Amino acid sequence: VSSTCSHAVQCCISKKQLVLEDDIVYALKSVKNACEIQCMRHAHIKDAVALCSFLHWLEQKIGKEKLTECSVADKLQSFRRPIPGLDATLDINELYLVDSGGQYKEGTTDVTRTVHFSMPTAFEKECFTRVLKGFISIATCIFPQNTTGARLDSFARRALWDVGLDYRHGTGHGVGCCLNVHEGPQSIGTRIRSEDYLVEGNIMSDEPGFYSDNKFGIRIENCIVVVKQKSKYAFYDQDWLTFDQLTLVPIQAKMIDKTLLNENEISYINEYHRNVLRIVGEELRKQSKHDVYNWLEINTKNI
């Protein structure tokens, strides 16, 4: 049996008969075909409309009404599905991290954004920008076939490591298509498994972060798909791979310390936001969500 089988199934097998081997189905389903990838793109457009509508609503309400983590989560769910404690109260002067996702007929989404509704501190902006640099480093990296996620993980952490910061979770996990939001065997993290190669068609999350205990948390997460990359040279005729974005939600500009970014990183963010406005903006107009479109237009301006 596979190490990913249920505990109940494994308990039915005696230890003498139990052999753990990789499951071929587990590996095959992680490689999405063209139809699945296209459907996942559609799902992420739907999800972007919901999340942009939510963030627009939240900007209007925070500081004017009492909002809690649970109440705003319920509101976000209503944007995804428009049918009839112990949670913390949101504070206009604190960071808000929203990690969300949905199951659509077309596919599965997983996205995280961190926003501030007043004036972030210099330290918060620095941490956010260093996380963003790691996010971009993964999104833009080009790597040869037979590369494991463990080899890419430090790309996401370098800007944090430069100043003695880090995070204690993986950088990315596989994402299923109408299946588990966490899917293997592919991942990006410190865990080393020699044969968990990233292959064309894998859908992953790209989600570096930073967390200051009892103060704030930052994470930026998109779903990305592994695609082939044309290269100038062909070292031993091997294929080269990179990532293409699936998630289409703006990254809050006020959280970015532009002085920490290089020209390529600035260009990447601006190009990403142009695509967000073009693709999601078209859908917002179709749905006559003019207020949300105006919000999106403001939040996708060049930094």
C-alpha atoms as a PDB file:
ATOM      1  CA  VAL A   1       0.000   0.000   0.000  1.00  0.00           C
ATOM      2  CA  SER A   2       0.951   3.639  -0.308  1.00  0.00           C
ATOM      3  CA  SER A   3       2.045   5.637   2.705  1.00  0.00           C
ATOM      4  CA  THR A   4      -0.845   7.964   1.836  1.00  0.00           C
ATOM      5  CA  CYS A   5      -3.554   5.338   2.293  1.00  0.00           C
ATOM      6  CA  SER A   6      -5.986   5.727   5.178  1.00  0.00           C
ATOM      7  CA  HIS A   7      -5.014   4.525   8.643  1.00  0.00           C
ATOM      8  CA  ALA A   8      -8.059   2.230   8.690  1.00  0.00           C
ATOM      9  CA  VAL A   9      -6.914   0.426   5.535  1.00  0.00           C
ATOM     10  CA  GLN A  10      -3.374   0.044   6.819  1.00  0.00           C
ATOM     11  CA  CYS A  11      -4.633  -1.414  10.111  1.00  0.00           C
ATOM     12  CA  CYS A  12      -6.376  -4.200   8.185  1.00  0.00           C
ATOM     13  CA  ILE A  13      -3.020  -5.527   6.968  1.00  0.00           C
ATOM     14  CA  SER A  14      -0.732  -7.529   9.200  1.00  0.00           C
ATOM     15  CA  LYS A  15       2.769  -6.172   9.734  1.00  0.00           C
ATOM     16  CA  LYS A  16       4.225  -9.261   8.052  1.00  0.00           C
ATOM     17  CA  GLN A  17       2.280  -8.535   4.853  1.00  0.00           C
ATOM     18  CA  LEU A  18       2.617  -4.754   4.900  1.00  0.00           C
ATOM     19  CA  VAL A  19       4.829  -3.257   2.191  1.00  0.00           C
ATOM     20  CA  LEU A  20       4.893   0.508   1.685  1.00  0.00           C
ATOM     21  CA  GLU A  21       5.468   1.646  -1.882  1.00  0.00           C
ATOM     22  CA  ASP A  22       4.754   4.789  -3.856  1.00  0.00           C
ATOM     23  CA  ASP A  23       1.278   4.822  -5.395  1.00  0.00           C
ATOM     24  CA  ILE A  24       1.333   5.308  -9.172  1.00  0.00           C
ATOM     25  CA  VAL A  25      -2.180   6.818  -9.061  1.00  0.00           C
ATOM     26  CA  TYR A  26      -1.017   9.357  -6.469  1.00  0.00           C
ATOM     27  CA  ALA A  27       1.719  10.516  -8.840  1.00  0.00           C
ATOM     28  CA  LEU A  28      -0.400  10.451 -12.001  1.00  0.00           C
ATOM     29  CA  LYS A  29      -3.247  12.560 -10.613  1.00  0.00           C
ATOM     30  CA  SER A  30      -0.769  15.278  -9.615  1.00  0.00           C
ATOM     31  CA  VAL A  31      -0.018  15.900 -13.306  1.00  0.00           C
ATOM     32  CA  LYS A  32      -2.926  17.889 -14.722  1.00  0.00           C
ATOM     33  CA  ASN A  33      -3.964  17.603 -18.346  1.00  0.00           C
ATOM     34  CA  ALA A  34      -4.749  20.603 -20.555  1.00  0.00           C
ATOM     35  CA  CYS A  35      -8.467  20.474 -19.762  1.00  0.00           C
ATOM     36  CA  GLU A  36      -7.867  20.421 -16.001  1.00  0.00           C
ATOM     37  CA  ILE A  37      -5.420  23.324 -16.204  1.00  0.00           C
ATOM     38  CA  GLN A  38      -7.824  25.389 -18.310  1.00  0.00           C
ATOM     39  CA  CYS A  39     -10.656  24.669 -15.876  1.00  0.00           C
ATOM     40  CA  MET A  40      -8.440  25.641 -12.952  1.00  0.00           C
ATOM     41  CA  ARG A  41      -7.774  28.967 -14.693  1.00  0.00           C
ATOM     42  CA  HIS A  42     -11.533  29.550 -14.928  1.00  0.00           C
ATOM     43  CA  ALA A  43     -11.950  28.656 -11.252  1.00  0.00           C
ATOM     44  CA  HIS A  44      -9.303  31.191 -10.280  1.00  0.00           C
ATOM     45  CA  ILE A  45     -11.035  33.933 -12.270  1.00  0.00           C
ATOM     46  CA  LYS A  46     -14.268  33.198 -10.383  1.00  0.00           C
ATOM     47  CA  ASP A  47     -12.368  33.167  -7.114  1.00  0.00           C
ATOM     48  CA  ALA A  48     -10.623  36.450  -7.924  1.00  0.00           C
ATOM     49  CA  VAL A  49     -14.003  38.108  -8.472  1.00  0.00           C
ATOM     50  CA  ALA A  50     -15.126  36.853  -5.053  1.00  0.00           C
ATOM     51  CA  LEU A  51     -11.952  37.865  -3.223  1.00  0.00           C
ATOM     52  CA  CYS A  52     -11.711  41.288  -4.879  1.00  0.00           C
ATOM     53  CA  SER A  53     -15.375  41.906  -4.009  1.00  0.00           C
ATOM     54  CA  PHE A  54     -14.614  40.924  -0.423  1.00  0.00           C
ATOM     55  CA  LEU A  55     -11.536  43.151  -0.091  1.00  0.00           C
ATOM     56  CA  HIS A  56     -13.444  46.080  -1.606  1.00  0.00           C
ATOM     57  CA  TRP A  57     -16.267  45.529   0.907  1.00  0.00           C
ATOM     58  CA  LEU A  58     -13.818  45.194   3.799  1.00  0.00           C
ATOM     59  CA  GLU A  59     -12.064  48.479   2.964  1.00  0.00           C
ATOM     60  CA  GLN A  60     -15.431  50.230   3.135  1.00  0.00           C
ATOM     61  CA  LYS A  61     -16.554  48.676   6.427  1.00  0.00           C
ATOM     62  CA  ILE A  62     -13.463  48.394   8.630  1.00  0.00           C
ATOM     63  CA  GLY A  63     -13.258  51.152  11.229  1.00  0.00           C
ATOM     64  CA  LYS A  64     -16.982  51.894  10.795  1.00  0.00           C
ATOM     65  CA  GLU A  65     -18.469  48.615  12.041  1.00  0.00           C
ATOM     66  CA  LYS A  66     -17.367  45.966  14.525  1.00  0.00           C
ATOM     67  CA  LEU A  67     -15.867  43.183  12.444  1.00  0.00           C
ATOM     68  CA  THR A  68     -14.428  39.908  13.702  1.00  0.00           C
ATOM     69  CA  GLU A  69     -12.460  37.170  11.987  1.00  0.00           C
ATOM     70  CA  CYS A  70     -15.547  34.933  11.931  1.00  0.00           C
ATOM     71  CA  SER A  71     -17.953  37.592  10.696  1.00  0.00           C
ATOM     72  CA  VAL A  72     -15.724  38.617   7.800  1.00  0.00           C
ATOM     73  CA  ALA A  73     -15.057  34.954   6.932  1.00  0.00           C
ATOM     74  CA  ASP A  74     -18.827  34.477   6.658  1.00  0.00           C
ATOM     75  CA  LYS A  75     -18.993  37.514   4.397  1.00  0.00           C
ATOM     76  CA  LEU A  76     -16.220  36.129   2.184  1.00  0.00           C
ATOM     77  CA  GLN A  77     -18.134  32.858   1.907  1.00  0.00           C
ATOM     78  CA  SER A  78     -21.222  34.781   0.799  1.00  0.00           C
ATOM     79  CA  PHE A  79     -19.250  36.286  -2.094  1.00  0.00           C
ATOM     80  CA  ARG A  80     -18.213  32.787  -3.172  1.00  0.00           C
ATOM     81  CA  ARG A  81     -21.680  31.322  -2.755  1.00  0.00           C
ATOM     82  CA  PRO A  82     -24.270  34.062  -3.160  1.00  0.00           C
ATOM     83  CA  ILE A  83     -27.217  32.328  -1.419  1.00  0.00           C
ATOM     84  CA  PRO A  84     -29.471  33.212   1.185  1.00  0.00           C
ATOM     85  CA  GLY A  85     -16.104  33.311  20.570  1.00  0.00           C
ATOM     86  CA  LEU A  86     -12.855  33.169  20.135  1.00  0.00           C
ATOM     87  CA  ASP A  87     -12.312  35.175  17.027  1.00  0.00           C
ATOM     88  CA  ALA A  88     -10.342  38.389  17.216  1.00  0.00           C
ATOM     89  CA  THR A  89     -11.844  41.762  16.365  1.00  0.00           C
ATOM     90  CA  LEU A  90     -10.303  43.357  13.297  1.00  0.00           C
ATOM     91  CA  ASP A  91      -8.387  46.546  13.992  1.00  0.00           C
ATOM     92  CA  ILE A  92      -7.788  49.181  11.334  1.00  0.00           C
ATOM     93  CA  ASN A  93      -4.246  49.617  12.691  1.00  0.00           C
ATOM     94  CA  GLU A  94      -3.256  45.949  12.410  1.00  0.00           C
ATOM     95  CA  LEU A  95      -2.397  43.614   9.558  1.00  0.00           C
ATOM     96  CA  TYR A  96      -5.126  41.297   8.318  1.00  0.00           C
ATOM     97  CA  LEU A  97      -4.120  37.970   6.763  1.00  0.00           C
ATOM     98  CA  VAL A  98      -6.846  36.194   4.790  1.00  0.00           C
ATOM     99  CA  ASP A  99      -6.074  32.625   3.707  1.00  0.00           C
ATOM    100  CA  SER A 100      -8.962  31.436   1.598  1.00  0.00           C
ATOM    101  CA  GLY A 101      -9.998  29.150  -1.199  1.00  0.00           C
ATOM    102  CA  GLY A 102     -12.980  27.494  -2.775  1.00  0.00           C
ATOM    103  CA  GLN A 103     -14.164  24.386  -4.562  1.00  0.00           C
ATOM    104  CA  TYR A 104     -15.755  25.238  -7.898  1.00  0.00           C
ATOM    105  CA  LYS A 105     -17.181  23.010 -10.604  1.00  0.00           C
ATOM    106  CA  GLU A 106     -14.081  23.848 -12.623  1.00  0.00           C
ATOM    107  CA  GLY A 107     -11.448  23.329  -9.940  1.00  0.00           C
ATOM    108  CA  THR A 108      -9.899  24.237  -6.601  1.00  0.00           C
ATOM    109  CA  THR A 109      -8.337  27.503  -5.418  1.00  0.00           C
ATOM    110  CA  ASP A 110      -5.998  28.474  -2.581  1.00  0.00           C
ATOM    111  CA  VAL A 111      -4.934  32.091  -2.085  1.00  0.00           C
ATOM    112  CA  THR A 112      -3.602  34.254   0.738  1.00  0.00           C
ATOM    113  CA  ARG A 113      -3.307  38.018   0.915  1.00  0.00           C
ATOM    114  CA  THR A 114      -2.062  40.240   3.745  1.00  0.00           C
ATOM    115  CA  VAL A 115      -3.434  43.780   3.877  1.00  0.00           C
ATOM    116  CA  HIS A 116      -3.373  46.856   6.106  1.00  0.00           C
ATOM    117  CA  PHE A 117      -6.188  49.408   6.275  1.00  0.00           C
ATOM    118  CA  SER A 118      -4.204  52.277   7.779  1.00  0.00           C
ATOM    119  CA  MET A 119      -0.445  52.915   7.901  1.00  0.00           C
ATOM    120  CA  PRO A 120       1.802  49.842   8.282  1.00  0.00           C
ATOM    121  CA  THR A 121       5.012  50.219  10.251  1.00  0.00           C
ATOM    122  CA  ALA A 122       8.388  50.275   8.544  1.00  0.00           C
ATOM    123  CA  PHE A 123       9.144  46.829   9.969  1.00  0.00           C
ATOM    124  CA  GLU A 124       5.853  45.394   8.705  1.00  0.00           C
ATOM    125  CA  LYS A 125       6.568  46.781   5.232  1.00  0.00           C
ATOM    126  CA  GLU A 126      10.102  45.425   5.254  1.00  0.00           C
ATOM    127  CA  CYS A 127       8.932  41.949   6.269  1.00  0.00           C
ATOM    128  CA  PHE A 128       6.147  42.003   3.683  1.00  0.00           C
ATOM    129  CA  THR A 129       8.510  43.100   0.928  1.00  0.00           C
ATOM    130  CA  ARG A 130      11.060  40.417   1.788  1.00  0.00           C
ATOM    131  CA  VAL A 131       8.286  37.821   1.669  1.00  0.00           C
ATOM    132  CA  LEU A 132       7.202  39.286  -1.681  1.00  0.00           C
ATOM    133  CA  LYS A 133      10.759  38.997  -3.022  1.00  0.00           C
ATOM    134  CA  GLY A 134      10.748  35.307  -2.119  1.00  0.00           C
ATOM    135  CA  PHE A 135       7.326  34.865  -3.707  1.00  0.00           C
ATOM    136  CA  ILE A 136       8.591  36.419  -6.952  1.00  0.00           C
ATOM    137  CA  SER A 137      11.804  34.389  -6.820  1.00  0.00           C
ATOM    138  CA  ILE A 138       9.819  31.141  -6.859  1.00  0.00           C
ATOM    139  CA  ALA A 139       7.333  32.385  -9.459  1.00  0.00           C
ATOM    140  CA  THR A 140      10.091  33.377 -11.889  1.00  0.00           C
ATOM    141  CA  CYS A 141      12.688  30.672 -11.319  1.00  0.00           C
ATOM    142  CA  ILE A 142      13.770  28.489 -14.242  1.00  0.00           C
ATOM    143  CA  PHE A 143      14.967  25.007 -13.374  1.00  0.00           C
ATOM    144  CA  PRO A 144      15.934  21.767 -15.129  1.00  0.00           C
ATOM    145  CA  GLN A 145      13.846  18.628 -15.272  1.00  0.00           C
ATOM    146  CA  ASN A 146      14.332  16.210 -12.373  1.00  0.00           C
ATOM    147  CA  THR A 147      14.415  19.065  -9.875  1.00  0.00           C
ATOM    148  CA  THR A 148      12.818  18.571  -6.461  1.00  0.00           C
ATOM    149  CA  GLY A 149      10.965  21.267  -4.572  1.00  0.00           C
ATOM    150  CA  ALA A 150      13.555  21.085  -1.802  1.00  0.00           C
ATOM    151  CA  ARG A 151      16.144  22.493  -4.222  1.00  0.00           C
ATOM    152  CA  LEU A 152      13.964  25.552  -4.845  1.00  0.00           C
ATOM    153  CA  ASP A 153      12.912  26.248  -1.263  1.00  0.00           C
ATOM    154  CA  SER A 154      15.838  28.513  -0.374  1.00  0.00           C
ATOM    155  CA  PHE A 155      14.928  30.811  -3.295  1.00  0.00           C
ATOM    156  CA  ALA A 156      11.862  31.849  -1.286  1.00  0.00           C
ATOM    157  CA  ARG A 157      13.762  32.376   1.960  1.00  0.00           C
ATOM    158  CA  ARG A 158      16.890  34.202   0.839  1.00  0.00           C
ATOM    159  CA  ALA A 159      15.581  37.768   1.257  1.00  0.00           C
ATOM    160  CA  LEU A 160      14.456  36.885   4.786  1.00  0.00           C
ATOM    161  CA  TRP A 161      17.686  35.037   5.579  1.00  0.00           C
ATOM    162  CA  ASP A 162      19.646  38.124   4.510  1.00  0.00           C
ATOM    163  CA  VAL A 163      18.407  39.897   7.656  1.00  0.00           C
ATOM    164  CA  GLY A 164      18.114  36.929  10.012  1.00  0.00           C
ATOM    165  CA  LEU A 165      14.413  36.112   9.490  1.00  0.00           C
ATOM    166  CA  ASP A 166      12.652  32.916   8.386  1.00  0.00           C
ATOM    167  CA  TYR A 167       9.356  30.996   8.549  1.00  0.00           C
ATOM    168  CA  ARG A 168       8.568  27.538   9.880  1.00  0.00           C
ATOM    169  CA  HIS A 169       6.351  26.042   7.197  1.00  0.00           C
ATOM    170  CA  GLY A 170       6.735  24.763   3.678  1.00  0.00           C
ATOM    171  CA  THR A 171       6.903  27.159   0.770  1.00  0.00           C
ATOM    172  CA  GLY A 172       4.493  25.266  -1.447  1.00  0.00           C
ATOM    173  CA  HIS A 173       2.266  22.212  -1.708  1.00  0.00           C
ATOM    174  CA  GLY A 174       0.512  20.452  -4.544  1.00  0.00           C
ATOM    175  CA  VAL A 175      -3.087  21.516  -5.227  1.00  0.00           C
ATOM    176  CA  GLY A 176      -5.727  19.091  -6.466  1.00  0.00           C
ATOM    177  CA  CYS A 177      -8.269  19.780  -9.201  1.00  0.00           C
ATOM    178  CA  CYS A 178     -11.660  19.372  -7.484  1.00  0.00           C
ATOM    179  CA  LEU A 179      -9.766  17.221  -4.969  1.00  0.00           C
ATOM    180  CA  ASN A 180      -7.696  17.902  -1.850  1.00  0.00           C
ATOM    181  CA  VAL A 181      -6.353  21.428  -1.611  1.00  0.00           C
ATOM    182  CA  HIS A 182      -3.165  19.808  -0.276  1.00  0.00           C
ATOM    183  CA  GLU A 183      -2.026  17.180  -2.751  1.00  0.00           C
ATOM    184  CA  GLY A 184       1.264  15.374  -3.231  1.00  0.00           C
ATOM    185  CA  PRO A 185       3.757  14.099  -3.955  1.00  0.00           C
ATOM    186  CA  GLN A 186       5.134  17.435  -5.202  1.00  0.00           C
ATOM    187  CA  SER A 187       5.967  20.183  -2.728  1.00  0.00           C
ATOM    188  CA  ILE A 188       8.410  23.021  -2.103  1.00  0.00           C
ATOM    189  CA  GLY A 189       9.974  22.901   1.333  1.00  0.00           C
ATOM    190  CA  THR A 190      12.832  21.696   3.471  1.00  0.00           C
ATOM    191  CA  ARG A 191      11.634  18.083   3.471  1.00  0.00           C
ATOM    192  CA  ILE A 192      13.891  16.129   1.123  1.00  0.00           C
ATOM    193  CA  ARG A 193      12.561  13.202  -0.886  1.00  0.00           C
ATOM    194  CA  SER A 194      14.898  12.322  -3.693  1.00  0.00           C
ATOM    195  CA  GLU A 195      12.312  11.393  -6.336  1.00  0.00           C
ATOM    196  CA  ASP A 196       9.550  13.955  -5.787  1.00  0.00           C
ATOM    197  CA  TYR A 197      10.429  15.848  -8.944  1.00  0.00           C
ATOM    198  CA  LEU A 198       8.424  18.815 -10.181  1.00  0.00           C
ATOM    199  CA  VAL A 199       6.996  17.968 -13.607  1.00  0.00           C
ATOM    200  CA  GLU A 200       5.039  19.796 -16.270  1.00  0.00           C
ATOM    201  CA  GLY A 201       1.375  19.938 -15.274  1.00  0.00           C
ATOM    202  CA  ASN A 202       1.919  20.012 -11.509  1.00  0.00           C
ATOM    203  CA  ILE A 203      -0.174  22.681  -9.798  1.00  0.00           C
ATOM    204  CA  MET A 204       1.460  24.130  -6.697  1.00  0.00           C
ATOM    205  CA  SER A 205       1.083  26.869  -4.136  1.00  0.00           C
ATOM    206  CA  ASP A 206       3.760  29.552  -3.768  1.00  0.00           C
ATOM    207  CA  GLU A 207       3.367  30.831  -0.206  1.00  0.00           C
ATOM    208  CA  PRO A 208       6.343  32.211   1.712  1.00  0.00           C
ATOM    209  CA  GLY A 209       5.572  34.102   4.902  1.00  0.00           C
ATOM    210  CA  PHE A 210       6.831  35.656   8.109  1.00  0.00           C
ATOM    211  CA  TYR A 211       5.269  35.617  11.568  1.00  0.00           C
ATOM    212  CA  SER A 212       6.177  37.807  14.540  1.00  0.00           C
ATOM    213  CA  ASP A 213       4.880  36.037  17.656  1.00  0.00           C
ATOM    214  CA  ASN A 214       1.832  37.719  19.215  1.00  0.00           C
ATOM    215  CA  LYS A 215       2.192  40.688  16.869  1.00  0.00           C
ATOM    216  CA  PHE A 216       1.406  39.963  13.223  1.00  0.00           C
ATOM    217  CA  GLY A 217       1.603  37.418  10.436  1.00  0.00           C
ATOM    218  CA  ILE A 218       2.378  37.852   6.748  1.00  0.00           C
ATOM    219  CA  ARG A 219       1.861  35.432   3.897  1.00  0.00           C
ATOM    220  CA  ILE A 220       1.468  35.862   0.148  1.00  0.00           C
ATOM    221  CA  GLU A 221       0.071  32.821  -1.644  1.00  0.00           C
ATOM    222  CA  ASN A 222      -0.793  32.100  -5.263  1.00  0.00           C
ATOM    223  CA  CYS A 223      -1.436  28.885  -7.122  1.00  0.00           C
ATOM    224  CA  ILE A 224       1.028  28.251  -9.951  1.00  0.00           C
ATOM    225  CA  VAL A 225       1.365  25.578 -12.629  1.00  0.00           C
ATOM    226  CA  VAL A 226       4.602  24.007 -13.863  1.00  0.00           C
ATOM    227  CA  VAL A 227       5.129  24.682 -17.586  1.00  0.00           C
ATOM    228  CA  LYS A 228       7.947  24.156 -20.072  1.00  0.00           C
ATOM    229  CA  GLN A 229      10.398  27.012 -20.550  1.00  0.00           C
ATOM    230  CA  LYS A 230      12.366  27.693 -23.716  1.00  0.00           C
ATOM    231  CA  SER A 231      16.039  28.148 -22.946  1.00  0.00           C
ATOM    232  CA  LYS A 232      18.871  29.824 -24.806  1.00  0.00           C
ATOM    233  CA  TYR A 233      21.032  26.725 -24.447  1.00  0.00           C
ATOM    234  CA  ALA A 234      20.294  23.017 -24.097  1.00  0.00           C
ATOM    235  CA  PHE A 235      22.540  21.553 -21.434  1.00  0.00           C
ATOM    236  CA  TYR A 236      22.674  17.799 -22.201  1.00  0.00           C
ATOM    237  CA  ASP A 237      19.407  18.245 -24.139  1.00  0.00           C
ATOM    238  CA  GLN A 238      17.351  18.337 -20.953  1.00  0.00           C
ATOM    239  CA  ASP A 239      14.031  20.164 -20.685  1.00  0.00           C
ATOM    240  CA  TRP A 240      13.716  23.311 -18.610  1.00  0.00           C
ATOM    241  CA  LEU A 241      10.693  24.292 -16.558  1.00  0.00           C
ATOM    242  CA  THR A 242       9.193  27.347 -14.881  1.00  0.00           C
ATOM    243  CA  PHE A 243       5.871  28.428 -13.354  1.00  0.00           C
ATOM    244  CA  ASP A 244       2.806  30.206 -14.723  1.00  0.00           C
ATOM    245  CA  GLN A 245       0.386  32.098 -12.479  1.00  0.00           C
ATOM    246  CA  LEU A 246      -3.164  30.892 -11.866  1.00  0.00           C
ATOM    247  CA  THR A 247      -4.222  33.233  -9.032  1.00  0.00           C
ATOM    248  CA  LEU A 248      -5.334  36.719 -10.089  1.00  0.00           C
ATOM    249  CA  VAL A 249      -5.701  38.927  -7.005  1.00  0.00           C
ATOM    250  CA  PRO A 250      -3.793  42.200  -6.506  1.00  0.00           C
ATOM    251  CA  ILE A 251      -0.980  42.540  -3.976  1.00  0.00           C
ATOM    252  CA  GLN A 252      -1.494  45.586  -1.748  1.00  0.00           C
ATOM    253  CA  ALA A 253       0.909  48.318  -2.864  1.00  0.00           C
ATOM    254  CA  LYS A 254       0.962  50.197   0.454  1.00  0.00           C
ATOM    255  CA  MET A 255       2.636  47.159   2.048  1.00  0.00           C
ATOM    256  CA  ILE A 256       5.564  47.279  -0.388  1.00  0.00           C
ATOM    257  CA  ASP A 257       8.851  49.024   0.369  1.00  0.00           C
ATOM    258  CA  LYS A 258       9.874  49.717  -3.207  1.00  0.00           C
ATOM    259  CA  THR A 259      13.461  50.532  -2.199  1.00  0.00           C
ATOM    260  CA  LEU A 260      14.009  46.841  -1.402  1.00  0.00           C
ATOM    261  CA  LEU A 261      12.981  45.694  -4.890  1.00  0.00           C
ATOM    262  CA  ASN A 262      15.126  45.525  -8.003  1.00  0.00           C
ATOM    263  CA  GLU A 263      13.935  46.582 -11.456  1.00  0.00           C
ATOM    264  CA  ASN A 264      13.007  43.040 -12.513  1.00  0.00           C
ATOM    265  CA  GLU A 265      10.875  42.548  -9.406  1.00  0.00           C
ATOM    266  CA  ILE A 266       9.083  45.861  -9.935  1.00  0.00           C
ATOM    267  CA  SER A 267       8.430  44.961 -13.579  1.00  0.00           C
ATOM    268  CA  TYR A 268       7.090  41.559 -12.536  1.00  0.00           C
ATOM    269  CA  ILE A 269       4.592  43.069 -10.079  1.00  0.00           C
ATOM    270  CA  ASN A 270       3.404  45.649 -12.607  1.00  0.00           C
ATOM    271  CA  GLU A 271       2.973  43.025 -15.334  1.00  0.00           C
ATOM    272  CA  TYR A 272       1.131  40.725 -12.924  1.00  0.00           C
ATOM    273  CA  HIS A 273      -1.252  43.532 -11.999  1.00  0.00           C
ATOM    274  CA  ARG A 274      -1.882  44.370 -15.652  1.00  0.00           C
ATOM    275  CA  ASN A 275      -2.951  40.768 -16.218  1.00  0.00           C
ATOM    276  CA  VAL A 276      -5.167  40.860 -13.127  1.00  0.00           C
ATOM    277  CA  LEU A 277      -6.924  44.010 -14.337  1.00  0.00           C
ATOM    278  CA  ARG A 278      -7.319  42.695 -17.877  1.00  0.00           C
ATOM    279  CA  ILE A 279      -8.681  39.257 -16.986  1.00  0.00           C
ATOM    280  CA  VAL A 280     -10.579  39.858 -13.748  1.00  0.00           C
ATOM    281  CA  GLY A 281     -11.672  43.334 -14.787  1.00  0.00           C
ATOM    282  CA  GLU A 282     -13.402  41.909 -17.857  1.00  0.00           C
ATOM    283  CA  GLU A 283     -15.349  39.472 -15.682  1.00  0.00           C
ATOM    284  CA  LEU A 284     -16.304  42.204 -13.198  1.00  0.00           C
ATOM    285  CA  ARG A 285     -17.683  44.306 -16.038  1.00  0.00           C
ATOM    286  CA  LYS A 286     -19.684  41.354 -17.339  1.00  0.00           C
ATOM    287  CA  GLN A 287     -21.218  41.006 -13.877  1.00  0.00           C
ATOM    288  CA  SER A 288     -21.838  44.788 -13.633  1.00  0.00           C
ATOM    289  CA  LYS A 289     -19.664  45.002 -10.505  1.00  0.00           C
ATOM    290  CA  HIS A 290     -18.596  48.530 -11.359  1.00  0.00           C
ATOM    291  CA  ASP A 291     -17.588  49.559  -7.827  1.00  0.00           C
ATOM    292  CA  VAL A 292     -15.352  46.510  -7.505  1.00  0.00           C
ATOM    293  CA  TYR A 293     -13.869  47.199 -10.947  1.00  0.00           C
ATOM    294  CA  ASN A 294     -12.992  50.740  -9.841  1.00  0.00           C
ATOM    295  CA  TRP A 295     -11.371  49.297  -6.701  1.00  0.00           C
ATOM    296  CA  LEU A 296      -9.422  46.818  -8.827  1.00  0.00           C
ATOM    297  CA  GLU A 297      -8.260  49.554 -11.186  1.00  0.00           C
ATOM    298  CA  ILE A 298      -6.844  51.531  -8.240  1.00  0.00           C
ATOM    299  CA  ASN A 299      -5.185  48.479  -6.705  1.00  0.00           C
ATOM    300  CA  THR A 300      -3.453  47.369  -9.906  1.00  0.00           C
ATOM    301  CA  LYS A 301      -1.700  50.636 -10.735  1.00  0.00           C
ATOM    302  CA  ASN A 302       2.032  50.508 -11.345  1.00  0.00           C
ATOM    303  CA  ILE A 303       4.011  50.682  -8.137  1.00  0.00           C
END
